[in-house]
Structure formats: structure tokens, C-alpha cells
Amino acid sequence: MSKTLIALTPDAVEERVRQGHALLIDIREDDEFARRHIPGALSRPLSRFEAVALPEMAGTEIIFTCRSGMRTAANADRLANPVGGNAYVLEGGLDGWSRAGLLIEANHRAPLEMMRQVQIVAGSLVLLGVVLGWLMSPIFFALAAFVGAGLTFAGISGFCGMARLLGLAPWNRPVAI
């Protein structure tokens, strides 16, 4: 039998967490969490969700969140099923929390999320290919086509070569402490 997530407003979640009645689980990936997150939230990325056990604390509600709430809603069964009792979702996710004027921990020195980096580079390459194709030679349209084909392949296969390459960039390497 599948379970569902019960939506809670940001203010209700903040109250429950502050009183120690709830544990907030952020399902975004590590790079997203490192950049911005709700203080006290635990990172349990969706890509490794089944591999990492949820903490069990008697009498504590589990509330899931992501950036906007869409990723959490799309995976409601997967998230709610391992929870013993009711499972909850932060309405509007991190964005809703921010709109409610609640505190967010931000590390602006952390690299941009990988997906945003891919979008910036892919968009720039497509734009460059089109502009150069229009101004210089139609052969440059091939650059835009190549990037488009790569994005299509990434969407179908789940493998993004550009993300792998960007992951090797100096700004994305872990800092030795």
C-alpha cells in the first residue's frame, strides 16, 4: 500500500522543527544543499535515498523538502513508504521557506549547482554557434546542433558528459582542509 505526503506550510514546519517535534530531510543533491539549505535540515539526496537510512527518533515527524516542492511531490511514494507514521512535505520547498521570510543558510563560495552550470555552458555554446553561424559561416550551426544532441542524449540516458567535464573544473573540486 502506497503512502502520501501531507503538505505543511513553512510556518508550521518551522514551528515543529524549532520545538524539536520534526526532522527536516532535504532530498536535493549535495551540490545544491551546499549552496543553500534550511538550518538544521539533513541532506539525504534523492539519487542515493534508499542507500541511506532515515534517522529514527521516537515521536519525531519526518518532513521532506527540495527546492520548489516538485521533486518531492514527484517522489512522494518513494519518500513516504520508509517512514513509520505520517510523512510530510514542506509546501513550496526551500523557495516557499524563503518567501515566508524564514532563515536560510547560504554559502555563496560554494560552486553553483551542477545543473545550473550545465545550463549556462550549454546555452552559451548554442548561442555562440548560432551567432557565429549567422555572422561568419553556416558551419558553426553544427556547434549548436552538437550541444542539442548532447542534451537530448543526456535526457534519454541519464548520462551528461558536460556535467562530468564540469565536475573536473577547478572550482568544482573539493577543497582540502
N, C-alpha and C. Protein backbone atom coordinates (compact mmCIF):
# COMPACT_ATOMS: atom_id res chain seq x y z
N MET A 1 0.84 -1.18 0.00
CA MET A 1 0.00 0.00 0.00
C MET A 1 0.89 1.25 0.00
N SER A 2 0.65 2.14 -0.94
CA SER A 2 1.48 3.33 -1.01
C SER A 2 0.95 4.41 -0.07
N LYS A 3 1.87 5.22 0.38
CA LYS A 3 1.53 6.32 1.28
C LYS A 3 1.69 7.63 0.53
N THR A 4 1.24 8.69 1.13
CA THR A 4 1.36 10.00 0.53
C THR A 4 2.01 10.95 1.53
N LEU A 5 2.39 12.10 1.05
CA LEU A 5 2.97 13.13 1.91
C LEU A 5 1.92 14.18 2.23
N ILE A 6 1.87 14.60 3.46
CA ILE A 6 0.92 15.63 3.90
C ILE A 6 1.64 16.97 3.86
N ALA A 7 1.05 17.93 3.16
CA ALA A 7 1.67 19.25 2.99
C ALA A 7 1.54 20.09 4.26
N LEU A 8 2.62 20.75 4.61
CA LEU A 8 2.64 21.68 5.74
C LEU A 8 3.20 23.03 5.26
N THR A 9 2.66 24.10 5.76
CA THR A 9 3.15 25.44 5.41
C THR A 9 4.54 25.65 6.00
N PRO A 10 5.31 26.55 5.44
CA PRO A 10 6.64 26.84 6.01
C PRO A 10 6.58 27.23 7.49
N ASP A 11 5.60 28.05 7.86
CA ASP A 11 5.50 28.45 9.27
C ASP A 11 5.22 27.25 10.18
N ALA A 12 4.37 26.33 9.74
CA ALA A 12 4.08 25.14 10.54
C ALA A 12 5.31 24.25 10.67
N VAL A 13 6.07 24.13 9.58
CA VAL A 13 7.30 23.32 9.62
C VAL A 13 8.32 23.97 10.56
N GLU A 14 8.49 25.27 10.44
CA GLU A 14 9.45 25.99 11.30
C GLU A 14 9.11 25.79 12.76
N GLU A 15 7.83 25.87 13.10
CA GLU A 15 7.38 25.68 14.48
C GLU A 15 7.68 24.27 14.98
N ARG A 16 7.38 23.27 14.16
CA ARG A 16 7.61 21.87 14.56
C ARG A 16 9.10 21.57 14.72
N VAL A 17 9.91 22.09 13.80
CA VAL A 17 11.36 21.86 13.89
C VAL A 17 11.93 22.58 15.11
N ARG A 18 11.52 23.82 15.32
CA ARG A 18 12.02 24.62 16.46
C ARG A 18 11.69 23.95 17.79
N GLN A 19 10.51 23.34 17.88
CA GLN A 19 10.09 22.68 19.12
C GLN A 19 10.70 21.28 19.26
N GLY A 20 11.41 20.82 18.24
CA GLY A 20 12.06 19.51 18.29
C GLY A 20 11.13 18.36 17.99
N HIS A 21 9.96 18.65 17.39
CA HIS A 21 8.99 17.60 17.07
C HIS A 21 9.17 17.04 15.67
N ALA A 22 10.04 17.66 14.87
CA ALA A 22 10.16 17.25 13.48
C ALA A 22 11.61 17.31 13.02
N LEU A 23 11.89 16.49 12.02
CA LEU A 23 13.20 16.44 11.39
C LEU A 23 12.99 16.75 9.92
N LEU A 24 13.71 17.74 9.42
CA LEU A 24 13.59 18.15 8.03
C LEU A 24 14.64 17.44 7.19
N ILE A 25 14.19 16.73 6.16
CA ILE A 25 15.07 15.97 5.27
C ILE A 25 15.06 16.64 3.90
N ASP A 26 16.22 17.13 3.46
CA ASP A 26 16.38 17.80 2.17
C ASP A 26 16.83 16.76 1.15
N ILE A 27 16.04 16.54 0.09
CA ILE A 27 16.34 15.49 -0.89
C ILE A 27 17.12 15.99 -2.10
N ARG A 28 17.53 17.25 -2.08
CA ARG A 28 18.32 17.78 -3.19
C ARG A 28 19.72 17.18 -3.16
N GLU A 29 20.43 17.30 -4.27
CA GLU A 29 21.77 16.73 -4.36
C GLU A 29 22.75 17.54 -3.52
N ASP A 30 23.92 16.95 -3.24
CA ASP A 30 24.91 17.55 -2.35
C ASP A 30 25.31 18.96 -2.78
N ASP A 31 25.50 19.17 -4.09
CA ASP A 31 25.94 20.49 -4.55
C ASP A 31 24.86 21.55 -4.33
N GLU A 32 23.60 21.16 -4.45
CA GLU A 32 22.50 22.09 -4.20
C GLU A 32 22.42 22.42 -2.71
N PHE A 33 22.54 21.39 -1.88
CA PHE A 33 22.46 21.57 -0.43
C PHE A 33 23.60 22.44 0.07
N ALA A 34 24.81 22.25 -0.46
CA ALA A 34 25.97 23.02 -0.03
C ALA A 34 25.79 24.51 -0.30
N ARG A 35 25.09 24.85 -1.36
CA ARG A 35 24.92 26.26 -1.74
C ARG A 35 23.88 26.96 -0.84
N ARG A 36 22.74 26.30 -0.61
CA ARG A 36 21.65 26.89 0.19
C ARG A 36 20.85 25.77 0.84
N HIS A 37 20.53 25.95 2.12
CA HIS A 37 19.67 24.98 2.79
C HIS A 37 19.05 25.60 4.04
N ILE A 38 18.07 24.92 4.56
CA ILE A 38 17.40 25.36 5.78
C ILE A 38 18.25 24.90 6.96
N PRO A 39 18.54 25.80 7.91
CA PRO A 39 19.35 25.40 9.07
C PRO A 39 18.74 24.20 9.79
N GLY A 40 19.58 23.23 10.09
CA GLY A 40 19.13 22.03 10.79
C GLY A 40 18.63 20.92 9.90
N ALA A 41 18.43 21.20 8.61
CA ALA A 41 17.96 20.16 7.70
C ALA A 41 19.07 19.13 7.47
N LEU A 42 18.67 17.87 7.29
CA LEU A 42 19.62 16.82 6.96
C LEU A 42 19.60 16.59 5.45
N SER A 43 20.76 16.38 4.88
CA SER A 43 20.86 16.11 3.45
C SER A 43 20.75 14.60 3.21
N ARG A 44 19.75 14.21 2.44
CA ARG A 44 19.56 12.82 2.01
C ARG A 44 19.19 12.87 0.53
N PRO A 45 20.21 13.01 -0.37
CA PRO A 45 19.93 13.18 -1.80
C PRO A 45 19.07 12.07 -2.37
N LEU A 46 18.16 12.46 -3.22
CA LEU A 46 17.23 11.52 -3.85
C LEU A 46 17.98 10.44 -4.64
N SER A 47 19.12 10.79 -5.23
CA SER A 47 19.88 9.83 -6.04
C SER A 47 20.42 8.67 -5.21
N ARG A 48 20.54 8.86 -3.89
CA ARG A 48 21.05 7.80 -3.01
C ARG A 48 20.06 7.51 -1.89
N PHE A 49 18.81 7.86 -2.06
CA PHE A 49 17.85 7.84 -0.96
C PHE A 49 17.71 6.47 -0.30
N GLU A 50 17.58 5.42 -1.09
CA GLU A 50 17.38 4.08 -0.50
C GLU A 50 18.65 3.57 0.19
N ALA A 51 19.80 4.08 -0.21
CA ALA A 51 21.07 3.60 0.35
C ALA A 51 21.37 4.20 1.71
N VAL A 52 20.70 5.28 2.07
CA VAL A 52 20.97 5.96 3.33
C VAL A 52 19.72 5.89 4.20
N ALA A 53 19.84 5.26 5.35
CA ALA A 53 18.69 5.09 6.24
C ALA A 53 18.26 6.43 6.83
N LEU A 54 16.96 6.57 6.99
CA LEU A 54 16.44 7.76 7.67
C LEU A 54 16.66 7.61 9.17
N PRO A 55 16.99 8.70 9.84
CA PRO A 55 17.14 8.60 11.29
C PRO A 55 15.82 8.25 11.96
N GLU A 56 15.88 7.42 12.97
CA GLU A 56 14.66 7.06 13.70
C GLU A 56 14.73 7.68 15.08
N MET A 57 13.83 8.60 15.32
CA MET A 57 13.77 9.26 16.61
C MET A 57 12.31 9.21 17.05
N ALA A 58 12.05 8.52 18.13
CA ALA A 58 10.68 8.33 18.61
C ALA A 58 9.97 9.67 18.78
N GLY A 59 8.76 9.74 18.27
CA GLY A 59 7.94 10.93 18.41
C GLY A 59 8.32 12.09 17.50
N THR A 60 9.24 11.84 16.58
CA THR A 60 9.68 12.90 15.67
C THR A 60 9.08 12.68 14.29
N GLU A 61 8.46 13.72 13.77
CA GLU A 61 7.87 13.66 12.43
C GLU A 61 8.97 13.88 11.39
N ILE A 62 8.81 13.23 10.25
CA ILE A 62 9.75 13.40 9.13
C ILE A 62 9.08 14.30 8.10
N ILE A 63 9.77 15.40 7.77
CA ILE A 63 9.27 16.36 6.78
C ILE A 63 10.31 16.45 5.66
N PHE A 64 9.87 16.22 4.43
CA PHE A 64 10.76 16.26 3.28
C PHE A 64 10.68 17.61 2.58
N THR A 65 11.79 18.00 1.97
CA THR A 65 11.82 19.22 1.19
C THR A 65 12.79 19.10 0.02
N CYS A 66 12.59 19.95 -0.96
CA CYS A 66 13.50 20.12 -2.09
C CYS A 66 13.50 21.62 -2.39
N ARG A 67 13.84 22.02 -3.59
CA ARG A 67 13.88 23.45 -3.89
C ARG A 67 12.49 24.06 -3.99
N SER A 68 11.63 23.44 -4.80
CA SER A 68 10.31 24.04 -5.04
C SER A 68 9.15 23.18 -4.54
N GLY A 69 9.41 21.94 -4.21
CA GLY A 69 8.37 21.00 -3.81
C GLY A 69 7.99 20.03 -4.91
N MET A 70 8.39 20.33 -6.15
CA MET A 70 8.02 19.47 -7.28
C MET A 70 8.75 18.12 -7.24
N ARG A 71 10.04 18.11 -6.92
CA ARG A 71 10.81 16.87 -6.86
C ARG A 71 10.27 15.98 -5.74
N THR A 72 9.92 16.60 -4.63
CA THR A 72 9.36 15.84 -3.51
C THR A 72 8.01 15.26 -3.89
N ALA A 73 7.16 16.05 -4.52
CA ALA A 73 5.83 15.57 -4.93
C ALA A 73 5.94 14.43 -5.95
N ALA A 74 6.89 14.54 -6.87
CA ALA A 74 7.05 13.51 -7.89
C ALA A 74 7.54 12.19 -7.31
N ASN A 75 8.12 12.22 -6.13
CA ASN A 75 8.66 11.02 -5.50
C ASN A 75 7.99 10.72 -4.16
N ALA A 76 6.76 11.16 -4.01
CA ALA A 76 6.04 11.04 -2.73
C ALA A 76 6.00 9.62 -2.21
N ASP A 77 5.63 8.65 -3.04
CA ASP A 77 5.55 7.25 -2.57
C ASP A 77 6.91 6.76 -2.08
N ARG A 78 7.92 7.01 -2.88
CA ARG A 78 9.28 6.56 -2.57
C ARG A 78 9.77 7.16 -1.25
N LEU A 79 9.42 8.39 -0.98
CA LEU A 79 9.85 9.05 0.25
C LEU A 79 9.02 8.64 1.45
N ALA A 80 7.71 8.54 1.28
CA ALA A 80 6.81 8.29 2.41
C ALA A 80 6.86 6.84 2.88
N ASN A 81 7.06 5.89 2.00
CA ASN A 81 6.97 4.48 2.37
C ASN A 81 7.91 4.04 3.48
N PRO A 82 9.18 4.50 3.52
CA PRO A 82 10.05 4.06 4.62
C PRO A 82 9.75 4.71 5.97
N VAL A 83 8.89 5.71 6.00
CA VAL A 83 8.56 6.41 7.24
C VAL A 83 7.50 5.61 7.99
N GLY A 84 7.74 5.39 9.29
CA GLY A 84 6.81 4.59 10.09
C GLY A 84 5.41 5.16 10.17
N GLY A 85 5.27 6.42 10.50
CA GLY A 85 3.95 7.04 10.62
C GLY A 85 3.66 7.92 9.43
N ASN A 86 3.03 9.06 9.73
CA ASN A 86 2.76 10.02 8.67
C ASN A 86 4.06 10.66 8.20
N ALA A 87 4.10 11.00 6.94
CA ALA A 87 5.25 11.72 6.37
C ALA A 87 4.73 13.03 5.80
N TYR A 88 5.55 14.06 5.87
CA TYR A 88 5.12 15.40 5.50
C TYR A 88 6.04 15.99 4.43
N VAL A 89 5.55 17.04 3.79
CA VAL A 89 6.32 17.78 2.79
C VAL A 89 6.20 19.27 3.10
N LEU A 90 7.31 19.96 2.98
CA LEU A 90 7.31 21.41 3.14
C LEU A 90 6.70 22.02 1.88
N GLU A 91 5.56 22.65 2.05
CA GLU A 91 4.84 23.28 0.93
C GLU A 91 5.71 24.37 0.29
N GLY A 92 5.96 24.24 -1.00
CA GLY A 92 6.77 25.23 -1.71
C GLY A 92 8.26 25.02 -1.57
N GLY A 93 8.68 24.03 -0.79
CA GLY A 93 10.09 23.71 -0.64
C GLY A 93 10.91 24.87 -0.09
N LEU A 94 12.20 24.86 -0.42
CA LEU A 94 13.12 25.89 0.02
C LEU A 94 12.69 27.27 -0.47
N ASP A 95 12.15 27.33 -1.68
CA ASP A 95 11.67 28.61 -2.21
C ASP A 95 10.51 29.15 -1.37
N GLY A 96 9.59 28.27 -0.97
CA GLY A 96 8.47 28.68 -0.13
C GLY A 96 8.94 29.14 1.25
N TRP A 97 9.92 28.43 1.79
CA TRP A 97 10.51 28.80 3.07
C TRP A 97 11.10 30.21 2.98
N SER A 98 11.82 30.46 1.90
CA SER A 98 12.44 31.77 1.69
C SER A 98 11.39 32.87 1.52
N ARG A 99 10.33 32.59 0.74
CA ARG A 99 9.24 33.56 0.55
C ARG A 99 8.54 33.89 1.86
N ALA A 100 8.53 32.92 2.79
CA ALA A 100 7.90 33.16 4.10
C ALA A 100 8.80 33.98 5.01
N GLY A 101 9.99 34.32 4.53
CA GLY A 101 10.91 35.15 5.30
C GLY A 101 11.67 34.41 6.38
N LEU A 102 11.74 33.07 6.25
CA LEU A 102 12.43 32.27 7.25
C LEU A 102 13.91 32.13 6.89
N LEU A 103 14.73 31.84 7.88
CA LEU A 103 16.18 31.82 7.75
C LEU A 103 16.66 30.69 6.81
N ILE A 104 17.61 31.04 5.95
CA ILE A 104 18.26 30.07 5.07
C ILE A 104 19.77 30.24 5.24
N GLU A 105 20.47 29.11 5.36
CA GLU A 105 21.92 29.15 5.38
C GLU A 105 22.40 29.13 3.94
N ALA A 106 23.23 30.10 3.59
CA ALA A 106 23.74 30.19 2.22
C ALA A 106 25.26 30.26 2.24
N ASN A 107 25.87 29.51 1.35
CA ASN A 107 27.32 29.55 1.18
C ASN A 107 27.58 30.00 -0.25
N HIS A 108 27.78 31.28 -0.43
CA HIS A 108 27.97 31.83 -1.78
C HIS A 108 29.34 31.50 -2.35
N ARG A 109 30.21 30.91 -1.53
CA ARG A 109 31.51 30.46 -2.03
C ARG A 109 31.42 29.07 -2.63
N ALA A 110 30.35 28.35 -2.32
CA ALA A 110 30.16 27.01 -2.90
C ALA A 110 29.87 27.18 -4.39
N PRO A 111 30.31 26.24 -5.22
CA PRO A 111 30.04 26.34 -6.66
C PRO A 111 28.55 26.34 -6.94
N LEU A 112 28.17 26.93 -8.06
CA LEU A 112 26.78 26.84 -8.50
C LEU A 112 26.41 25.38 -8.65
N GLU A 113 25.13 25.08 -8.49
CA GLU A 113 24.65 23.71 -8.67
C GLU A 113 25.03 23.24 -10.07
N MET A 114 25.37 21.95 -10.18
CA MET A 114 25.84 21.40 -11.45
C MET A 114 24.83 21.62 -12.58
N MET A 115 23.56 21.46 -12.31
CA MET A 115 22.56 21.65 -13.36
C MET A 115 22.59 23.07 -13.88
N ARG A 116 22.75 24.04 -13.00
CA ARG A 116 22.84 25.44 -13.44
C ARG A 116 24.09 25.67 -14.27
N GLN A 117 25.20 25.05 -13.87
CA GLN A 117 26.43 25.18 -14.66
C GLN A 117 26.24 24.61 -16.06
N VAL A 118 25.59 23.44 -16.14
CA VAL A 118 25.33 22.83 -17.45
C VAL A 118 24.44 23.75 -18.29
N GLN A 119 23.40 24.30 -17.67
CA GLN A 119 22.50 25.19 -18.41
C GLN A 119 23.25 26.43 -18.93
N ILE A 120 24.12 27.00 -18.12
CA ILE A 120 24.87 28.18 -18.53
C ILE A 120 25.81 27.85 -19.69
N VAL A 121 26.56 26.77 -19.57
CA VAL A 121 27.52 26.41 -20.62
C VAL A 121 26.79 25.98 -21.89
N ALA A 122 25.78 25.13 -21.76
CA ALA A 122 25.05 24.67 -22.95
C ALA A 122 24.37 25.83 -23.65
N GLY A 123 23.71 26.69 -22.90
CA GLY A 123 23.05 27.85 -23.50
C GLY A 123 24.04 28.77 -24.19
N SER A 124 25.19 28.98 -23.56
CA SER A 124 26.22 29.84 -24.15
C SER A 124 26.77 29.25 -25.43
N LEU A 125 27.01 27.93 -25.44
CA LEU A 125 27.53 27.29 -26.66
C LEU A 125 26.52 27.32 -27.80
N VAL A 126 25.25 27.09 -27.49
CA VAL A 126 24.21 27.17 -28.53
C VAL A 126 24.14 28.58 -29.08
N LEU A 127 24.10 29.57 -28.20
CA LEU A 127 24.06 30.96 -28.63
C LEU A 127 25.28 31.32 -29.47
N LEU A 128 26.46 30.91 -29.03
CA LEU A 128 27.69 31.17 -29.78
C LEU A 128 27.64 30.53 -31.16
N GLY A 129 27.19 29.27 -31.23
CA GLY A 129 27.09 28.57 -32.51
C GLY A 129 26.14 29.27 -33.47
N VAL A 130 25.01 29.74 -32.96
CA VAL A 130 24.03 30.42 -33.81
C VAL A 130 24.56 31.77 -34.28
N VAL A 131 25.14 32.54 -33.36
CA VAL A 131 25.67 33.86 -33.74
C VAL A 131 26.80 33.72 -34.75
N LEU A 132 27.76 32.81 -34.49
CA LEU A 132 28.86 32.62 -35.43
C LEU A 132 28.36 32.04 -36.75
N GLY A 133 27.37 31.17 -36.70
CA GLY A 133 26.79 30.62 -37.93
C GLY A 133 26.13 31.69 -38.77
N TRP A 134 25.52 32.63 -38.12
CA TRP A 134 24.84 33.72 -38.83
C TRP A 134 25.83 34.76 -39.34
N LEU A 135 26.83 35.09 -38.50
CA LEU A 135 27.77 36.14 -38.87
C LEU A 135 28.94 35.67 -39.74
N MET A 136 29.43 34.45 -39.51
CA MET A 136 30.65 34.02 -40.17
C MET A 136 30.44 32.92 -41.21
N SER A 137 29.96 31.77 -40.73
CA SER A 137 29.82 30.62 -41.64
C SER A 137 28.77 29.67 -41.09
N PRO A 138 27.94 29.13 -41.96
CA PRO A 138 26.91 28.17 -41.50
C PRO A 138 27.49 26.93 -40.82
N ILE A 139 28.77 26.67 -40.98
CA ILE A 139 29.38 25.50 -40.35
C ILE A 139 29.29 25.59 -38.81
N PHE A 140 29.22 26.81 -38.28
CA PHE A 140 29.13 27.00 -36.83
C PHE A 140 27.78 26.56 -36.27
N PHE A 141 26.77 26.43 -37.11
CA PHE A 141 25.48 25.90 -36.64
C PHE A 141 25.65 24.48 -36.12
N ALA A 142 26.70 23.79 -36.58
CA ALA A 142 26.98 22.43 -36.12
C ALA A 142 27.26 22.41 -34.61
N LEU A 143 27.85 23.49 -34.08
CA LEU A 143 28.10 23.56 -32.64
C LEU A 143 26.78 23.53 -31.87
N ALA A 144 25.82 24.32 -32.32
CA ALA A 144 24.51 24.33 -31.67
C ALA A 144 23.85 22.96 -31.79
N ALA A 145 23.96 22.34 -32.95
CA ALA A 145 23.37 21.01 -33.16
C ALA A 145 24.04 19.97 -32.26
N PHE A 146 25.36 20.06 -32.12
CA PHE A 146 26.10 19.11 -31.28
C PHE A 146 25.65 19.22 -29.82
N VAL A 147 25.53 20.44 -29.32
CA VAL A 147 25.10 20.65 -27.94
C VAL A 147 23.66 20.15 -27.76
N GLY A 148 22.80 20.46 -28.72
CA GLY A 148 21.42 19.98 -28.66
C GLY A 148 21.34 18.46 -28.63
N ALA A 149 22.17 17.81 -29.46
CA ALA A 149 22.20 16.34 -29.47
C ALA A 149 22.69 15.80 -28.14
N GLY A 150 23.69 16.46 -27.55
CA GLY A 150 24.22 16.03 -26.26
C GLY A 150 23.18 16.15 -25.16
N LEU A 151 22.42 17.25 -25.18
CA LEU A 151 21.37 17.42 -24.18
C LEU A 151 20.25 16.40 -24.35
N THR A 152 19.92 16.10 -25.59
CA THR A 152 18.90 15.09 -25.86
C THR A 152 19.37 13.72 -25.35
N PHE A 153 20.62 13.38 -25.64
CA PHE A 153 21.18 12.12 -25.16
C PHE A 153 21.17 12.07 -23.63
N ALA A 154 21.54 13.18 -22.99
CA ALA A 154 21.56 13.23 -21.52
C ALA A 154 20.16 13.01 -20.96
N GLY A 155 19.16 13.62 -21.59
CA GLY A 155 17.78 13.44 -21.13
C GLY A 155 17.29 12.02 -21.27
N ILE A 156 17.68 11.36 -22.35
CA ILE A 156 17.23 9.98 -22.60
C ILE A 156 17.98 8.97 -21.74
N SER A 157 19.30 9.15 -21.65
CA SER A 157 20.14 8.14 -20.99
C SER A 157 20.39 8.39 -19.51
N GLY A 158 20.28 9.65 -19.09
CA GLY A 158 20.63 9.99 -17.72
C GLY A 158 22.11 10.27 -17.53
N PHE A 159 22.91 10.16 -18.59
CA PHE A 159 24.34 10.46 -18.55
C PHE A 159 24.59 11.80 -19.21
N CYS A 160 25.21 12.72 -18.49
CA CYS A 160 25.50 14.04 -19.03
C CYS A 160 27.02 14.23 -19.07
N GLY A 161 27.57 14.12 -20.26
CA GLY A 161 29.01 14.30 -20.43
C GLY A 161 29.47 15.69 -20.03
N MET A 162 28.65 16.69 -20.31
CA MET A 162 29.03 18.06 -19.95
C MET A 162 29.14 18.20 -18.44
N ALA A 163 28.22 17.60 -17.69
CA ALA A 163 28.29 17.65 -16.23
C ALA A 163 29.54 16.95 -15.73
N ARG A 164 29.89 15.84 -16.37
CA ARG A 164 31.12 15.14 -15.98
C ARG A 164 32.34 16.01 -16.21
N LEU A 165 32.40 16.68 -17.36
CA LEU A 165 33.53 17.57 -17.65
C LEU A 165 33.57 18.75 -16.68
N LEU A 166 32.41 19.35 -16.43
CA LEU A 166 32.36 20.48 -15.50
C LEU A 166 32.75 20.04 -14.08
N GLY A 167 32.45 18.81 -13.74
CA GLY A 167 32.83 18.29 -12.42
C GLY A 167 34.34 18.26 -12.21
N LEU A 168 35.09 18.25 -13.30
CA LEU A 168 36.55 18.25 -13.22
C LEU A 168 37.14 19.66 -13.15
N ALA A 169 36.31 20.66 -13.35
CA ALA A 169 36.78 22.05 -13.33
C ALA A 169 37.32 22.40 -11.94
N PRO A 170 38.32 23.26 -11.88
CA PRO A 170 38.94 23.59 -10.58
C PRO A 170 37.94 24.11 -9.53
N TRP A 171 36.95 24.88 -9.93
CA TRP A 171 36.01 25.43 -8.96
C TRP A 171 35.05 24.38 -8.41
N ASN A 172 34.99 23.19 -9.03
CA ASN A 172 34.10 22.12 -8.55
C ASN A 172 34.84 21.06 -7.77
N ARG A 173 36.15 21.20 -7.61
CA ARG A 173 36.93 20.22 -6.85
C ARG A 173 36.78 20.50 -5.36
N PRO A 174 36.73 19.43 -4.56
CA PRO A 174 36.63 19.64 -3.11
C PRO A 174 37.86 20.38 -2.58
N VAL A 175 37.64 21.24 -1.62
CA VAL A 175 38.73 21.99 -1.01
C VAL A 175 39.34 21.16 0.10
N ALA A 176 40.67 20.97 0.04
CA ALA A 176 41.36 20.23 1.10
C ALA A 176 41.46 21.10 2.35
N ILE A 177 41.14 20.51 3.49
CA ILE A 177 41.17 21.26 4.75
C ILE A 177 42.32 20.82 5.59
